[in-house]
Amino acid sequence: MPSPNDPGPGRVPVTAPARRVCVDPQGPVLVEGPVEIVLDDGTVARSDRFMVALCTCRRSRAYPWCDTSHRRRERADPPPGNRTPR
């Protein structure tokens, strides 16, 4: 078990300020920046912006950053017979 003073590789020291993350079920994950994202192939994407939108649907042309591509896909309403009353 590592000690709190030795964060080890890829771990944030205990004294580092916490980042705020906001999860929107219908959209991106918002993270207070600056951030570095390590992608599957090992490359690092960095943003120095104060707030970053991370794509969770993988439709973004600017992945891992959200470009609101998820908005272009329209959801079909369920057929009237399958709706449950509230």
N, C-alpha and C. Protein backbone atom coordinates (compact mmCIF):
# COMPACT_ATOMS: atom_id res chain seq x y z
N MET A 1 0.85 -1.18 0.00
CA MET A 1 0.00 0.00 0.00
C MET A 1 0.89 1.24 0.00
N PRO A 2 0.74 2.12 -0.99
CA PRO A 2 1.58 3.33 -1.04
C PRO A 2 1.19 4.30 0.06
N SER A 3 2.18 5.07 0.49
CA SER A 3 1.91 6.08 1.50
C SER A 3 1.31 7.31 0.82
N PRO A 4 0.58 8.15 1.57
CA PRO A 4 -0.01 9.36 0.98
C PRO A 4 1.03 10.33 0.42
N ASN A 5 2.26 10.27 0.92
CA ASN A 5 3.31 11.18 0.45
C ASN A 5 3.94 10.72 -0.85
N ASP A 6 3.77 9.45 -1.22
CA ASP A 6 4.32 8.91 -2.45
C ASP A 6 3.18 8.51 -3.37
N PRO A 7 2.73 9.43 -4.25
CA PRO A 7 1.56 9.14 -5.06
C PRO A 7 1.77 8.04 -6.09
N GLY A 8 3.02 7.78 -6.50
CA GLY A 8 3.27 6.75 -7.50
C GLY A 8 2.91 7.25 -8.89
N PRO A 9 3.22 6.44 -9.90
CA PRO A 9 2.95 6.87 -11.28
C PRO A 9 1.46 6.97 -11.57
N GLY A 10 1.07 8.10 -12.18
CA GLY A 10 -0.31 8.30 -12.57
C GLY A 10 -1.26 8.65 -11.45
N ARG A 11 -0.75 8.85 -10.26
CA ARG A 11 -1.61 9.18 -9.13
C ARG A 11 -1.40 10.64 -8.72
N VAL A 12 -2.47 11.26 -8.26
CA VAL A 12 -2.43 12.67 -7.87
C VAL A 12 -2.05 12.76 -6.40
N PRO A 13 -1.11 13.65 -6.05
CA PRO A 13 -0.77 13.81 -4.64
C PRO A 13 -1.99 14.24 -3.83
N VAL A 14 -2.04 13.85 -2.58
CA VAL A 14 -3.17 14.16 -1.71
C VAL A 14 -3.35 15.66 -1.56
N THR A 15 -2.29 16.43 -1.64
CA THR A 15 -2.37 17.88 -1.44
C THR A 15 -2.88 18.63 -2.67
N ALA A 16 -3.03 17.94 -3.80
CA ALA A 16 -3.50 18.61 -5.01
C ALA A 16 -4.97 18.98 -4.85
N PRO A 17 -5.36 20.15 -5.39
CA PRO A 17 -6.78 20.53 -5.29
C PRO A 17 -7.65 19.59 -6.11
N ALA A 18 -8.84 19.32 -5.62
CA ALA A 18 -9.76 18.43 -6.32
C ALA A 18 -10.32 19.12 -7.56
N ARG A 19 -10.54 18.35 -8.60
CA ARG A 19 -11.17 18.86 -9.82
C ARG A 19 -12.66 18.60 -9.72
N ARG A 20 -13.46 19.54 -10.19
CA ARG A 20 -14.91 19.36 -10.21
C ARG A 20 -15.29 18.74 -11.54
N VAL A 21 -16.11 17.69 -11.50
CA VAL A 21 -16.58 16.99 -12.68
C VAL A 21 -18.10 16.99 -12.64
N CYS A 22 -18.72 17.43 -13.74
CA CYS A 22 -20.18 17.45 -13.84
C CYS A 22 -20.59 16.48 -14.94
N VAL A 23 -21.43 15.50 -14.59
CA VAL A 23 -21.86 14.49 -15.54
C VAL A 23 -23.28 14.81 -15.99
N ASP A 24 -23.46 14.94 -17.31
CA ASP A 24 -24.77 15.16 -17.90
C ASP A 24 -25.15 13.88 -18.64
N PRO A 25 -26.20 13.18 -18.21
CA PRO A 25 -26.55 11.91 -18.86
C PRO A 25 -26.86 12.06 -20.35
N GLN A 26 -27.25 13.23 -20.80
CA GLN A 26 -27.58 13.44 -22.20
C GLN A 26 -26.48 14.16 -22.97
N GLY A 27 -25.32 14.32 -22.38
CA GLY A 27 -24.28 15.07 -23.06
C GLY A 27 -22.90 14.74 -22.55
N PRO A 28 -22.00 15.71 -22.61
CA PRO A 28 -20.61 15.47 -22.25
C PRO A 28 -20.38 15.49 -20.74
N VAL A 29 -19.18 15.12 -20.37
CA VAL A 29 -18.72 15.26 -18.99
C VAL A 29 -17.94 16.57 -18.94
N LEU A 30 -18.32 17.46 -18.03
CA LEU A 30 -17.65 18.75 -17.89
C LEU A 30 -16.63 18.65 -16.76
N VAL A 31 -15.39 19.06 -17.06
CA VAL A 31 -14.30 18.98 -16.09
C VAL A 31 -13.66 20.35 -15.99
N GLU A 32 -13.44 20.80 -14.76
CA GLU A 32 -12.72 22.06 -14.57
C GLU A 32 -11.29 21.84 -15.01
N GLY A 33 -10.77 22.75 -15.84
CA GLY A 33 -9.44 22.60 -16.41
C GLY A 33 -8.39 23.34 -15.62
N PRO A 34 -7.18 23.28 -16.06
CA PRO A 34 -6.70 22.59 -17.25
C PRO A 34 -6.67 21.08 -17.02
N VAL A 35 -6.72 20.33 -18.12
CA VAL A 35 -6.74 18.87 -18.03
C VAL A 35 -5.80 18.26 -19.06
N GLU A 36 -5.34 17.06 -18.75
CA GLU A 36 -4.61 16.22 -19.70
C GLU A 36 -5.35 14.90 -19.77
N ILE A 37 -5.64 14.44 -20.98
CA ILE A 37 -6.35 13.20 -21.20
C ILE A 37 -5.39 12.24 -21.90
N VAL A 38 -5.20 11.06 -21.31
CA VAL A 38 -4.38 10.03 -21.93
C VAL A 38 -5.32 9.13 -22.73
N LEU A 39 -5.10 9.09 -24.05
CA LEU A 39 -5.95 8.32 -24.95
C LEU A 39 -5.51 6.85 -25.00
N ASP A 40 -6.34 6.01 -25.64
CA ASP A 40 -6.08 4.58 -25.72
C ASP A 40 -4.71 4.26 -26.30
N ASP A 41 -4.26 5.05 -27.28
CA ASP A 41 -2.98 4.78 -27.93
C ASP A 41 -1.79 5.39 -27.18
N GLY A 42 -2.05 6.00 -26.03
CA GLY A 42 -0.98 6.56 -25.20
C GLY A 42 -0.69 8.02 -25.46
N THR A 43 -1.27 8.60 -26.50
CA THR A 43 -1.06 10.03 -26.75
C THR A 43 -1.81 10.84 -25.69
N VAL A 44 -1.33 12.05 -25.47
CA VAL A 44 -1.92 12.92 -24.46
C VAL A 44 -2.55 14.13 -25.14
N ALA A 45 -3.81 14.37 -24.83
CA ALA A 45 -4.51 15.56 -25.31
C ALA A 45 -4.59 16.52 -24.12
N ARG A 46 -4.22 17.77 -24.31
CA ARG A 46 -4.19 18.74 -23.23
C ARG A 46 -5.05 19.95 -23.58
N SER A 47 -5.74 20.47 -22.57
CA SER A 47 -6.50 21.70 -22.73
C SER A 47 -6.23 22.58 -21.52
N ASP A 48 -5.96 23.84 -21.77
CA ASP A 48 -5.72 24.80 -20.70
C ASP A 48 -6.95 25.64 -20.40
N ARG A 49 -8.08 25.30 -20.98
CA ARG A 49 -9.31 26.05 -20.75
C ARG A 49 -9.78 25.89 -19.32
N PHE A 50 -10.60 26.81 -18.83
CA PHE A 50 -11.09 26.75 -17.45
C PHE A 50 -12.15 25.67 -17.28
N MET A 51 -12.85 25.29 -18.35
CA MET A 51 -13.84 24.21 -18.31
C MET A 51 -13.73 23.44 -19.63
N VAL A 52 -13.72 22.12 -19.53
CA VAL A 52 -13.54 21.27 -20.70
C VAL A 52 -14.72 20.32 -20.79
N ALA A 53 -15.26 20.12 -22.00
CA ALA A 53 -16.33 19.17 -22.24
C ALA A 53 -15.72 17.93 -22.89
N LEU A 54 -15.82 16.79 -22.19
CA LEU A 54 -15.28 15.53 -22.70
C LEU A 54 -16.40 14.71 -23.32
N CYS A 55 -16.15 14.22 -24.52
CA CYS A 55 -17.13 13.44 -25.25
C CYS A 55 -17.28 12.07 -24.62
N THR A 56 -18.53 11.64 -24.41
CA THR A 56 -18.79 10.30 -23.89
C THR A 56 -19.49 9.42 -24.92
N CYS A 57 -19.95 10.00 -26.03
CA CYS A 57 -20.68 9.23 -27.04
C CYS A 57 -19.78 8.80 -28.19
N ARG A 58 -18.59 9.33 -28.27
CA ARG A 58 -17.62 9.04 -29.33
C ARG A 58 -18.07 9.46 -30.72
N ARG A 59 -19.03 10.38 -30.81
CA ARG A 59 -19.45 10.90 -32.11
C ARG A 59 -18.71 12.17 -32.49
N SER A 60 -17.94 12.72 -31.57
CA SER A 60 -17.26 13.99 -31.79
C SER A 60 -16.15 13.85 -32.83
N ARG A 61 -16.09 14.81 -33.73
CA ARG A 61 -14.98 14.85 -34.69
C ARG A 61 -13.71 15.36 -34.04
N ALA A 62 -13.83 15.93 -32.85
CA ALA A 62 -12.69 16.48 -32.12
C ALA A 62 -12.38 15.63 -30.88
N TYR A 63 -12.77 14.34 -30.90
CA TYR A 63 -12.60 13.46 -29.74
C TYR A 63 -11.18 13.56 -29.20
N PRO A 64 -10.95 13.69 -27.89
CA PRO A 64 -11.85 13.44 -26.78
C PRO A 64 -12.70 14.65 -26.37
N TRP A 65 -12.54 15.76 -27.07
CA TRP A 65 -13.32 16.95 -26.74
C TRP A 65 -14.70 16.86 -27.39
N CYS A 66 -15.70 17.33 -26.70
CA CYS A 66 -17.07 17.30 -27.22
C CYS A 66 -17.27 18.45 -28.20
N ASP A 67 -17.85 18.15 -29.36
CA ASP A 67 -18.20 19.20 -30.33
C ASP A 67 -19.71 19.26 -30.54
N THR A 68 -20.46 18.71 -29.61
CA THR A 68 -21.93 18.66 -29.59
C THR A 68 -22.51 17.80 -30.72
N SER A 69 -21.75 16.89 -31.26
CA SER A 69 -22.27 15.99 -32.29
C SER A 69 -23.40 15.13 -31.77
N HIS A 70 -23.44 14.89 -30.47
CA HIS A 70 -24.50 14.05 -29.90
C HIS A 70 -25.87 14.71 -30.07
N ARG A 71 -25.92 16.01 -30.29
CA ARG A 71 -27.20 16.70 -30.46
C ARG A 71 -27.83 16.41 -31.81
N ARG A 72 -27.04 16.04 -32.80
CA ARG A 72 -27.56 15.83 -34.15
C ARG A 72 -28.40 14.56 -34.26
N ARG A 73 -28.19 13.62 -33.38
CA ARG A 73 -28.95 12.36 -33.42
C ARG A 73 -30.25 12.55 -32.66
N GLU A 74 -31.35 12.43 -33.38
CA GLU A 74 -32.65 12.62 -32.75
C GLU A 74 -33.14 11.30 -32.18
N ARG A 75 -33.76 11.39 -31.03
CA ARG A 75 -34.34 10.21 -30.40
C ARG A 75 -35.78 10.06 -30.86
N ALA A 76 -36.16 8.85 -31.20
CA ALA A 76 -37.54 8.58 -31.59
C ALA A 76 -38.38 8.45 -30.34
N ASP A 77 -39.55 9.09 -30.34
CA ASP A 77 -40.47 8.93 -29.22
C ASP A 77 -41.03 7.52 -29.25
N PRO A 78 -41.28 6.91 -28.09
CA PRO A 78 -41.89 5.58 -28.10
C PRO A 78 -43.30 5.65 -28.66
N PRO A 79 -43.78 4.56 -29.27
CA PRO A 79 -45.14 4.56 -29.81
C PRO A 79 -46.16 4.86 -28.71
N PRO A 80 -47.28 5.53 -29.04
CA PRO A 80 -48.26 5.92 -28.03
C PRO A 80 -48.76 4.74 -27.18
N GLY A 81 -48.88 3.53 -27.72
CA GLY A 81 -49.37 2.39 -26.97
C GLY A 81 -48.41 1.91 -25.90
N ASN A 82 -47.11 2.24 -26.00
CA ASN A 82 -46.11 1.76 -25.04
C ASN A 82 -45.81 2.75 -23.92
N ARG A 83 -46.46 3.88 -23.91
CA ARG A 83 -46.21 4.87 -22.87
C ARG A 83 -46.92 4.48 -21.59
N THR A 84 -46.25 4.69 -20.50
CA THR A 84 -46.88 4.40 -19.20
C THR A 84 -47.40 5.69 -18.59
N PRO A 85 -48.60 5.67 -18.01
CA PRO A 85 -49.14 6.90 -17.41
C PRO A 85 -48.37 7.27 -16.16
N ARG A 86 -48.32 8.55 -15.90
CA ARG A 86 -47.59 9.04 -14.70
C ARG A 86 -48.52 9.29 -13.58
